[in-house]
Amino acid sequence: LYGLRRGEVLGIRWRDVDFDHDVLHIRQQ
């Protein structure tokens, strides 16, 4: 869906997922 890199998708933390505002933050890998 987002065309992420392998390291980016595996580096997502739960605090990077904002369910309230429907935003996914990409911050590390």
Full PDB file with SEQRES, HELIX, SHEET, SSBOND, CRYST1, ORIGX, SCALE, CONECT and MASTER records, all heavy atoms in Angstrom:
SEQRES   1 A   29  LEU TYR GLY LEU ARG ARG GLY GLU VAL LEU GLY ILE ARG          
SEQRES   2 A   29  TRP ARG ASP VAL ASP PHE ASP HIS ASP VAL LEU HIS ILE          
SEQRES   3 A   29  ARG GLN GLN                                                  
HELIX    1 AA1 ARG A    6  LEU A   10  1                                   5    
HELIX    2 AA2 TRP A   14  ASP A   16  5                                   3    
SHEET    1 AA1 2 VAL A  17  ASP A  18  0                                        
SHEET    2 AA1 2 VAL A  23  LEU A  24 -1                                        
CRYST1    1.000    1.000    1.000  90.00  90.00  90.00 P 1           1          
ORIGX1      1.000000  0.000000  0.000000        0.00000                         
ORIGX2      0.000000  1.000000  0.000000        0.00000                         
ORIGX3      0.000000  0.000000  1.000000        0.00000                         
SCALE1      1.000000  0.000000  0.000000        0.00000                         
SCALE2      0.000000  1.000000  0.000000        0.00000                         
SCALE3      0.000000  0.000000  1.000000        0.00000                         
ATOM      1  N   LEU A   1       0.811  -1.218   0.000  1.00  0.00           N  
ATOM      2  CA  LEU A   1       0.000   0.000   0.000  1.00  0.00           C  
ATOM      3  C   LEU A   1       0.843   1.266   0.000  1.00  0.00           C  
ATOM      4  O   LEU A   1       0.553   2.219  -0.736  1.00  0.00           O  
ATOM      5  CB  LEU A   1      -0.928  -0.013   1.211  1.00  0.00           C  
ATOM      6  CG  LEU A   1      -1.867   1.188   1.366  1.00  0.00           C  
ATOM      7  CD1 LEU A   1      -2.789   1.301   0.159  1.00  0.00           C  
ATOM      8  CD2 LEU A   1      -2.679   1.074   2.649  1.00  0.00           C  
ATOM      9  N   TYR A   2       1.909   1.291   0.807  1.00  0.00           N  
ATOM     10  CA  TYR A   2       2.701   2.512   0.966  1.00  0.00           C  
ATOM     11  C   TYR A   2       4.056   2.463   0.255  1.00  0.00           C  
ATOM     12  O   TYR A   2       4.756   3.470   0.227  1.00  0.00           O  
ATOM     13  CB  TYR A   2       2.935   2.786   2.454  1.00  0.00           C  
ATOM     14  CG  TYR A   2       1.668   3.014   3.242  1.00  0.00           C  
ATOM     15  CD1 TYR A   2       1.215   2.075   4.157  1.00  0.00           C  
ATOM     16  CD2 TYR A   2       0.915   4.171   3.060  1.00  0.00           C  
ATOM     17  CE1 TYR A   2       0.045   2.273   4.880  1.00  0.00           C  
ATOM     18  CE2 TYR A   2      -0.253   4.385   3.773  1.00  0.00           C  
ATOM     19  CZ  TYR A   2      -0.682   3.429   4.682  1.00  0.00           C  
ATOM     20  OH  TYR A   2      -1.837   3.627   5.384  1.00  0.00           O  
ATOM     21  N   GLY A   3       4.409   1.315  -0.299  1.00  0.00           N  
ATOM     22  CA  GLY A   3       5.717   1.216  -0.945  1.00  0.00           C  
ATOM     23  C   GLY A   3       6.865   1.370   0.029  1.00  0.00           C  
ATOM     24  O   GLY A   3       7.895   1.964  -0.307  1.00  0.00           O  
ATOM     25  N   LEU A   4       6.728   0.850   1.231  1.00  0.00           N  
ATOM     26  CA  LEU A   4       7.767   0.992   2.256  1.00  0.00           C  
ATOM     27  C   LEU A   4       8.972   0.112   1.931  1.00  0.00           C  
ATOM     28  O   LEU A   4       8.874  -0.869   1.192  1.00  0.00           O  
ATOM     29  CB  LEU A   4       7.208   0.602   3.630  1.00  0.00           C  
ATOM     30  CG  LEU A   4       6.008   1.390   4.149  1.00  0.00           C  
ATOM     31  CD1 LEU A   4       5.552   0.821   5.482  1.00  0.00           C  
ATOM     32  CD2 LEU A   4       6.337   2.861   4.286  1.00  0.00           C  
ATOM     33  N   ARG A   5      10.091   0.479   2.508  1.00  0.00           N  
ATOM     34  CA  ARG A   5      11.269  -0.388   2.470  1.00  0.00           C  
ATOM     35  C   ARG A   5      11.105  -1.490   3.520  1.00  0.00           C  
ATOM     36  O   ARG A   5      10.348  -1.351   4.481  1.00  0.00           O  
ATOM     37  CB  ARG A   5      12.534   0.424   2.738  1.00  0.00           C  
ATOM     38  CG  ARG A   5      12.761   1.580   1.766  1.00  0.00           C  
ATOM     39  CD  ARG A   5      14.007   2.365   2.132  1.00  0.00           C  
ATOM     40  NE  ARG A   5      14.265   3.464   1.208  1.00  0.00           N  
ATOM     41  CZ  ARG A   5      13.845   4.712   1.395  1.00  0.00           C  
ATOM     42  NH1 ARG A   5      13.143   5.019   2.486  1.00  0.00           N  
ATOM     43  NH2 ARG A   5      14.124   5.658   0.516  1.00  0.00           N  
ATOM     44  N   ARG A   6      11.855  -2.577   3.330  1.00  0.00           N  
ATOM     45  CA  ARG A   6      11.749  -3.695   4.285  1.00  0.00           C  
ATOM     46  C   ARG A   6      12.056  -3.252   5.705  1.00  0.00           C  
ATOM     47  O   ARG A   6      11.335  -3.564   6.649  1.00  0.00           O  
ATOM     48  CB  ARG A   6      12.711  -4.820   3.885  1.00  0.00           C  
ATOM     49  CG  ARG A   6      12.131  -5.852   2.996  1.00  0.00           C  
ATOM     50  CD  ARG A   6      13.037  -7.051   2.880  1.00  0.00           C  
ATOM     51  NE  ARG A   6      14.354  -6.739   2.352  1.00  0.00           N  
ATOM     52  CZ  ARG A   6      15.298  -7.663   2.122  1.00  0.00           C  
ATOM     53  NH1 ARG A   6      15.067  -8.919   2.400  1.00  0.00           N  
ATOM     54  NH2 ARG A   6      16.462  -7.304   1.641  1.00  0.00           N  
ATOM     55  N   GLY A   7      13.164  -2.527   5.857  1.00  0.00           N  
ATOM     56  CA  GLY A   7      13.550  -2.095   7.197  1.00  0.00           C  
ATOM     57  C   GLY A   7      12.552  -1.140   7.811  1.00  0.00           C  
ATOM     58  O   GLY A   7      12.377  -1.112   9.033  1.00  0.00           O  
ATOM     59  N   GLU A   8      11.885  -0.334   6.959  1.00  0.00           N  
ATOM     60  CA  GLU A   8      10.915   0.630   7.474  1.00  0.00           C  
ATOM     61  C   GLU A   8       9.683  -0.055   8.043  1.00  0.00           C  
ATOM     62  O   GLU A   8       9.196   0.311   9.117  1.00  0.00           O  
ATOM     63  CB  GLU A   8      10.511   1.596   6.363  1.00  0.00           C  
ATOM     64  CG  GLU A   8      11.612   2.548   5.938  1.00  0.00           C  
ATOM     65  CD  GLU A   8      11.226   3.413   4.765  1.00  0.00           C  
ATOM     66  OE1 GLU A   8      10.209   3.104   4.102  1.00  0.00           O  
ATOM     67  OE2 GLU A   8      11.938   4.402   4.507  1.00  0.00           O  
ATOM     68  N   VAL A   9       9.161  -1.054   7.323  1.00  0.00           N  
ATOM     69  CA  VAL A   9       7.957  -1.716   7.812  1.00  0.00           C  
ATOM     70  C   VAL A   9       8.247  -2.522   9.068  1.00  0.00           C  
ATOM     71  O   VAL A   9       7.414  -2.596   9.990  1.00  0.00           O  
ATOM     72  CB  VAL A   9       7.335  -2.604   6.704  1.00  0.00           C  
ATOM     73  CG1 VAL A   9       8.184  -3.835   6.442  1.00  0.00           C  
ATOM     74  CG2 VAL A   9       5.914  -2.994   7.060  1.00  0.00           C  
ATOM     75  N   LEU A  10       9.442  -3.108   9.148  1.00  0.00           N  
ATOM     76  CA  LEU A  10       9.795  -3.886  10.335  1.00  0.00           C  
ATOM     77  C   LEU A  10      10.160  -2.989  11.517  1.00  0.00           C  
ATOM     78  O   LEU A  10      10.197  -3.452  12.654  1.00  0.00           O  
ATOM     79  CB  LEU A  10      10.957  -4.828  10.021  1.00  0.00           C  
ATOM     80  CG  LEU A  10      10.673  -5.915   8.975  1.00  0.00           C  
ATOM     81  CD1 LEU A  10      11.909  -6.760   8.730  1.00  0.00           C  
ATOM     82  CD2 LEU A  10       9.503  -6.791   9.403  1.00  0.00           C  
ATOM     83  N   GLY A  11      10.434  -1.704  11.259  1.00  0.00           N  
ATOM     84  CA  GLY A  11      10.812  -0.787  12.325  1.00  0.00           C  
ATOM     85  C   GLY A  11       9.663   0.019  12.894  1.00  0.00           C  
ATOM     86  O   GLY A  11       9.878   0.862  13.776  1.00  0.00           O  
ATOM     87  N   ILE A  12       8.442  -0.214  12.425  1.00  0.00           N  
ATOM     88  CA  ILE A  12       7.292   0.536  12.943  1.00  0.00           C  
ATOM     89  C   ILE A  12       7.018   0.119  14.389  1.00  0.00           C  
ATOM     90  O   ILE A  12       6.956  -1.069  14.709  1.00  0.00           O  
ATOM     91  CB  ILE A  12       6.047   0.285  12.066  1.00  0.00           C  
ATOM     92  CG1 ILE A  12       6.290   0.791  10.642  1.00  0.00           C  
ATOM     93  CG2 ILE A  12       4.824   0.968  12.669  1.00  0.00           C  
ATOM     94  CD1 ILE A  12       5.148   0.490   9.690  1.00  0.00           C  
ATOM     95  N   ARG A  13       6.860   1.116  15.242  1.00  0.00           N  
ATOM     96  CA  ARG A  13       6.489   0.878  16.638  1.00  0.00           C  
ATOM     97  C   ARG A  13       5.015   1.204  16.824  1.00  0.00           C  
ATOM     98  O   ARG A  13       4.427   1.945  16.036  1.00  0.00           O  
ATOM     99  CB  ARG A  13       7.351   1.743  17.569  1.00  0.00           C  
ATOM    100  CG  ARG A  13       8.838   1.464  17.472  1.00  0.00           C  
ATOM    101  CD  ARG A  13       9.653   2.619  18.009  1.00  0.00           C  
ATOM    102  NE  ARG A  13       9.446   3.841  17.229  1.00  0.00           N  
ATOM    103  CZ  ARG A  13      10.145   4.956  17.389  1.00  0.00           C  
ATOM    104  NH1 ARG A  13      11.087   5.011  18.315  1.00  0.00           N  
ATOM    105  NH2 ARG A  13       9.899   6.023  16.650  1.00  0.00           N  
ATOM    106  N   TRP A  14       4.439   0.693  17.918  1.00  0.00           N  
ATOM    107  CA  TRP A  14       3.023   0.963  18.158  1.00  0.00           C  
ATOM    108  C   TRP A  14       2.770   2.444  18.425  1.00  0.00           C  
ATOM    109  O   TRP A  14       1.694   2.958  18.103  1.00  0.00           O  
ATOM    110  CB  TRP A  14       2.512   0.118  19.330  1.00  0.00           C  
ATOM    111  CG  TRP A  14       2.279  -1.300  18.938  1.00  0.00           C  
ATOM    112  CD1 TRP A  14       2.934  -2.401  19.382  1.00  0.00           C  
ATOM    113  CD2 TRP A  14       1.321  -1.780  17.985  1.00  0.00           C  
ATOM    114  NE1 TRP A  14       2.466  -3.540  18.783  1.00  0.00           N  
ATOM    115  CE2 TRP A  14       1.460  -3.188  17.914  1.00  0.00           C  
ATOM    116  CE3 TRP A  14       0.364  -1.163  17.181  1.00  0.00           C  
ATOM    117  CZ2 TRP A  14       0.684  -3.973  17.086  1.00  0.00           C  
ATOM    118  CZ3 TRP A  14      -0.421  -1.943  16.335  1.00  0.00           C  
ATOM    119  CH2 TRP A  14      -0.263  -3.338  16.301  1.00  0.00           C  
ATOM    120  N   ARG A  15       3.768   3.128  18.948  1.00  0.00           N  
ATOM    121  CA  ARG A  15       3.572   4.562  19.174  1.00  0.00           C  
ATOM    122  C   ARG A  15       3.603   5.346  17.863  1.00  0.00           C  
ATOM    123  O   ARG A  15       3.223   6.518  17.831  1.00  0.00           O  
ATOM    124  CB  ARG A  15       4.625   5.090  20.132  1.00  0.00           C  
ATOM    125  CG  ARG A  15       6.019   5.198  19.548  1.00  0.00           C  
ATOM    126  CD  ARG A  15       6.925   5.939  20.508  1.00  0.00           C  
ATOM    127  NE  ARG A  15       8.249   6.163  19.953  1.00  0.00           N  
ATOM    128  CZ  ARG A  15       9.174   6.904  20.547  1.00  0.00           C  
ATOM    129  NH1 ARG A  15       8.913   7.486  21.701  1.00  0.00           N  
ATOM    130  NH2 ARG A  15      10.359   7.073  19.991  1.00  0.00           N  
ATOM    131  N   ASP A  16       4.075   4.703  16.780  1.00  0.00           N  
ATOM    132  CA  ASP A  16       4.071   5.344  15.462  1.00  0.00           C  
ATOM    133  C   ASP A  16       2.722   5.218  14.774  1.00  0.00           C  
ATOM    134  O   ASP A  16       2.526   5.809  13.698  1.00  0.00           O  
ATOM    135  CB  ASP A  16       5.155   4.731  14.570  1.00  0.00           C  
ATOM    136  CG  ASP A  16       6.558   4.956  15.116  1.00  0.00           C  
ATOM    137  OD1 ASP A  16       6.770   6.008  15.739  1.00  0.00           O  
ATOM    138  OD2 ASP A  16       7.429   4.080  14.928  1.00  0.00           O  
ATOM    139  N   VAL A  17       1.822   4.429  15.339  1.00  0.00           N  
ATOM    140  CA  VAL A  17       0.497   4.219  14.746  1.00  0.00           C  
ATOM    141  C   VAL A  17      -0.514   5.053  15.528  1.00  0.00           C  
ATOM    142  O   VAL A  17      -0.782   4.790  16.699  1.00  0.00           O  
ATOM    143  CB  VAL A  17       0.108   2.728  14.778  1.00  0.00           C  
ATOM    144  CG1 VAL A  17      -1.242   2.525  14.088  1.00  0.00           C  
ATOM    145  CG2 VAL A  17       1.186   1.880  14.107  1.00  0.00           C  
ATOM    146  N   ASP A  18      -1.062   6.063  14.870  1.00  0.00           N  
ATOM    147  CA  ASP A  18      -2.034   6.957  15.507  1.00  0.00           C  
ATOM    148  C   ASP A  18      -3.431   6.581  15.004  1.00  0.00           C  
ATOM    149  O   ASP A  18      -3.888   7.054  13.955  1.00  0.00           O  
ATOM    150  CB  ASP A  18      -1.710   8.409  15.163  1.00  0.00           C  
ATOM    151  CG  ASP A  18      -2.548   9.402  15.952  1.00  0.00           C  
ATOM    152  OD1 ASP A  18      -3.542   8.967  16.566  1.00  0.00           O  
ATOM    153  OD2 ASP A  18      -2.213  10.600  15.952  1.00  0.00           O  
ATOM    154  N   PHE A  19      -4.100   5.700  15.760  1.00  0.00           N  
ATOM    155  CA  PHE A  19      -5.434   5.273  15.355  1.00  0.00           C  
ATOM    156  C   PHE A  19      -6.455   6.397  15.496  1.00  0.00           C  
ATOM    157  O   PHE A  19      -7.459   6.426  14.784  1.00  0.00           O  
ATOM    158  CB  PHE A  19      -5.881   4.062  16.197  1.00  0.00           C  
ATOM    159  CG  PHE A  19      -5.167   2.790  15.841  1.00  0.00           C  
ATOM    160  CD1 PHE A  19      -4.217   2.236  16.689  1.00  0.00           C  
ATOM    161  CD2 PHE A  19      -5.460   2.127  14.657  1.00  0.00           C  
ATOM    162  CE1 PHE A  19      -3.574   1.061  16.369  1.00  0.00           C  
ATOM    163  CE2 PHE A  19      -4.816   0.942  14.321  1.00  0.00           C  
ATOM    164  CZ  PHE A  19      -3.866   0.409  15.178  1.00  0.00           C  
ATOM    165  N   ASP A  20      -6.219   7.318  16.413  1.00  0.00           N  
ATOM    166  CA  ASP A  20      -7.184   8.397  16.643  1.00  0.00           C  
ATOM    167  C   ASP A  20      -7.252   9.370  15.472  1.00  0.00           C  
ATOM    168  O   ASP A  20      -8.329   9.855  15.118  1.00  0.00           O  
ATOM    169  CB  ASP A  20      -6.826   9.151  17.925  1.00  0.00           C  
ATOM    170  CG  ASP A  20      -6.954   8.276  19.165  1.00  0.00           C  
ATOM    171  OD1 ASP A  20      -7.764   7.325  19.130  1.00  0.00           O  
ATOM    172  OD2 ASP A  20      -6.227   8.530  20.156  1.00  0.00           O  
ATOM    173  N   HIS A  21      -6.098   9.672  14.902  1.00  0.00           N  
ATOM    174  CA  HIS A  21      -6.051  10.647  13.805  1.00  0.00           C  
ATOM    175  C   HIS A  21      -5.773  10.000  12.445  1.00  0.00           C  
ATOM    176  O   HIS A  21      -5.563  10.701  11.450  1.00  0.00           O  
ATOM    177  CB  HIS A  21      -4.982  11.709  14.092  1.00  0.00           C  
ATOM    178  CG  HIS A  21      -5.216  12.483  15.343  1.00  0.00           C  
ATOM    179  ND1 HIS A  21      -4.711  12.084  16.561  1.00  0.00           N  
ATOM    180  CD2 HIS A  21      -5.921  13.635  15.570  1.00  0.00           C  
ATOM    181  CE1 HIS A  21      -5.069  12.959  17.491  1.00  0.00           C  
ATOM    182  NE2 HIS A  21      -5.814  13.907  16.925  1.00  0.00           N  
ATOM    183  N   ASP A  22      -5.748   8.665  12.418  1.00  0.00           N  
ATOM    184  CA  ASP A  22      -5.527   7.921  11.166  1.00  0.00           C  
ATOM    185  C   ASP A  22      -4.238   8.352  10.472  1.00  0.00           C  
ATOM    186  O   ASP A  22      -4.231   8.741   9.289  1.00  0.00           O  
ATOM    187  CB  ASP A  22      -6.717   8.098  10.215  1.00  0.00           C  
ATOM    188  CG  ASP A  22      -7.954   7.362  10.715  1.00  0.00           C  
ATOM    189  OD1 ASP A  22      -7.792   6.352  11.425  1.00  0.00           O  
ATOM    190  OD2 ASP A  22      -9.077   7.795  10.385  1.00  0.00           O  
ATOM    191  N   VAL A  23      -3.141   8.286  11.214  1.00  0.00           N  
ATOM    192  CA  VAL A  23      -1.827   8.653  10.675  1.00  0.00           C  
ATOM    193  C   VAL A  23      -0.832   7.567  11.041  1.00  0.00           C  
ATOM    194  O   VAL A  23      -0.821   7.064  12.174  1.00  0.00           O  
ATOM    195  CB  VAL A  23      -1.342  10.014  11.214  1.00  0.00           C  
ATOM    196  CG1 VAL A  23       0.055  10.333  10.688  1.00  0.00           C  
ATOM    197  CG2 VAL A  23      -2.317  11.115  10.827  1.00  0.00           C  
ATOM    198  N   LEU A  24       0.021   7.211  10.065  1.00  0.00           N  
ATOM    199  CA  LEU A  24       1.102   6.250  10.283  1.00  0.00           C  
ATOM    200  C   LEU A  24       2.416   6.992  10.163  1.00  0.00           C  
ATOM    201  O   LEU A  24       2.737   7.540   9.099  1.00  0.00           O  
ATOM    202  CB  LEU A  24       1.023   5.111   9.263  1.00  0.00           C  
ATOM    203  CG  LEU A  24       2.136   4.065   9.323  1.00  0.00           C  
ATOM    204  CD1 LEU A  24       2.099   3.314  10.659  1.00  0.00           C  
ATOM    205  CD2 LEU A  24       2.025   3.085   8.170  1.00  0.00           C  
ATOM    206  N   HIS A  25       3.203   7.024  11.237  1.00  0.00           N  
ATOM    207  CA  HIS A  25       4.476   7.738  11.246  1.00  0.00           C  
ATOM    208  C   HIS A  25       5.608   6.768  10.891  1.00  0.00           C  
ATOM    209  O   HIS A  25       5.722   5.698  11.495  1.00  0.00           O  
ATOM    210  CB  HIS A  25       4.743   8.343  12.631  1.00  0.00           C  
ATOM    211  CG  HIS A  25       3.641   9.222  13.128  1.00  0.00           C  
ATOM    212  ND1 HIS A  25       3.401  10.480  12.618  1.00  0.00           N  
ATOM    213  CD2 HIS A  25       2.701   9.027  14.087  1.00  0.00           C  
ATOM    214  CE1 HIS A  25       2.376  11.024  13.242  1.00  0.00           C  
ATOM    215  NE2 HIS A  25       1.925  10.163  14.147  1.00  0.00           N  
ATOM    216  N   ILE A  26       6.425   7.147   9.932  1.00  0.00           N  
ATOM    217  CA  ILE A  26       7.609   6.367   9.565  1.00  0.00           C  
ATOM    218  C   ILE A  26       8.812   7.091  10.159  1.00  0.00           C  
ATOM    219  O   ILE A  26       9.173   8.182   9.707  1.00  0.00           O  
ATOM    220  CB  ILE A  26       7.746   6.221   8.034  1.00  0.00           C  
ATOM    221  CG1 ILE A  26       6.432   5.724   7.421  1.00  0.00           C  
ATOM    222  CG2 ILE A  26       8.896   5.287   7.692  1.00  0.00           C  
ATOM    223  CD1 ILE A  26       5.983   4.392   7.944  1.00  0.00           C  
ATOM    224  N   ARG A  27       9.437   6.483  11.179  1.00  0.00           N  
ATOM    225  CA  ARG A  27      10.466   7.185  11.940  1.00  0.00           C  
ATOM    226  C   ARG A  27      11.777   6.416  12.062  1.00  0.00           C  
ATOM    227  O   ARG A  27      12.802   7.022  12.389  1.00  0.00           O  
ATOM    228  CB  ARG A  27       9.944   7.495  13.347  1.00  0.00           C  
ATOM    229  CG  ARG A  27       8.800   8.508  13.384  1.00  0.00           C  
ATOM    230  CD  ARG A  27       9.283   9.866  12.922  1.00  0.00           C  
ATOM    231  NE  ARG A  27       8.219  10.868  12.996  1.00  0.00           N  
ATOM    232  CZ  ARG A  27       7.401  11.165  12.008  1.00  0.00           C  
ATOM    233  NH1 ARG A  27       7.511  10.513  10.858  1.00  0.00           N  
ATOM    234  NH2 ARG A  27       6.473  12.099  12.135  1.00  0.00           N  
ATOM    235  N   GLN A  28      11.810   5.114  11.856  1.00  0.00           N  
ATOM    236  CA  GLN A  28      13.047   4.357  12.037  1.00  0.00           C  
ATOM    237  C   GLN A  28      12.986   3.094  11.184  1.00  0.00           C  
ATOM    238  O   GLN A  28      11.969   2.818  10.530  1.00  0.00           O  
ATOM    239  CB  GLN A  28      13.234   3.983  13.505  1.00  0.00           C  
ATOM    240  CG  GLN A  28      12.158   3.041  14.039  1.00  0.00           C  
ATOM    241  CD  GLN A  28      12.493   2.489  15.403  1.00  0.00           C  
ATOM    242  OE1 GLN A  28      13.395   2.966  16.087  1.00  0.00           O  
ATOM    243  NE2 GLN A  28      11.789   1.453  15.822  1.00  0.00           N  
ATOM    244  N   GLN A  29      14.070   2.341  11.191  1.00  0.00           N  
ATOM    245  CA  GLN A  29      14.122   1.082  10.466  1.00  0.00           C  
ATOM    246  C   GLN A  29      14.927   0.054  11.249  1.00  0.00           C  
ATOM    247  O   GLN A  29      15.672   0.411  12.179  1.00  0.00           O  
ATOM    248  CB  GLN A  29      14.732   1.286   9.076  1.00  0.00           C  
ATOM    249  CG  GLN A  29      16.164   1.800   9.092  1.00  0.00           C  
ATOM    250  CD  GLN A  29      16.718   1.983   7.694  1.00  0.00           C  
ATOM    251  OE1 GLN A  29      16.310   1.304   6.756  1.00  0.00           O  
ATOM    252  NE2 GLN A  29      17.661   2.909   7.543  1.00  0.00           N  
TER     253      GLN A  29                                                      
MASTER        0    0    0    2    2    0    0    6  252    1    0    3          
END                                                                             
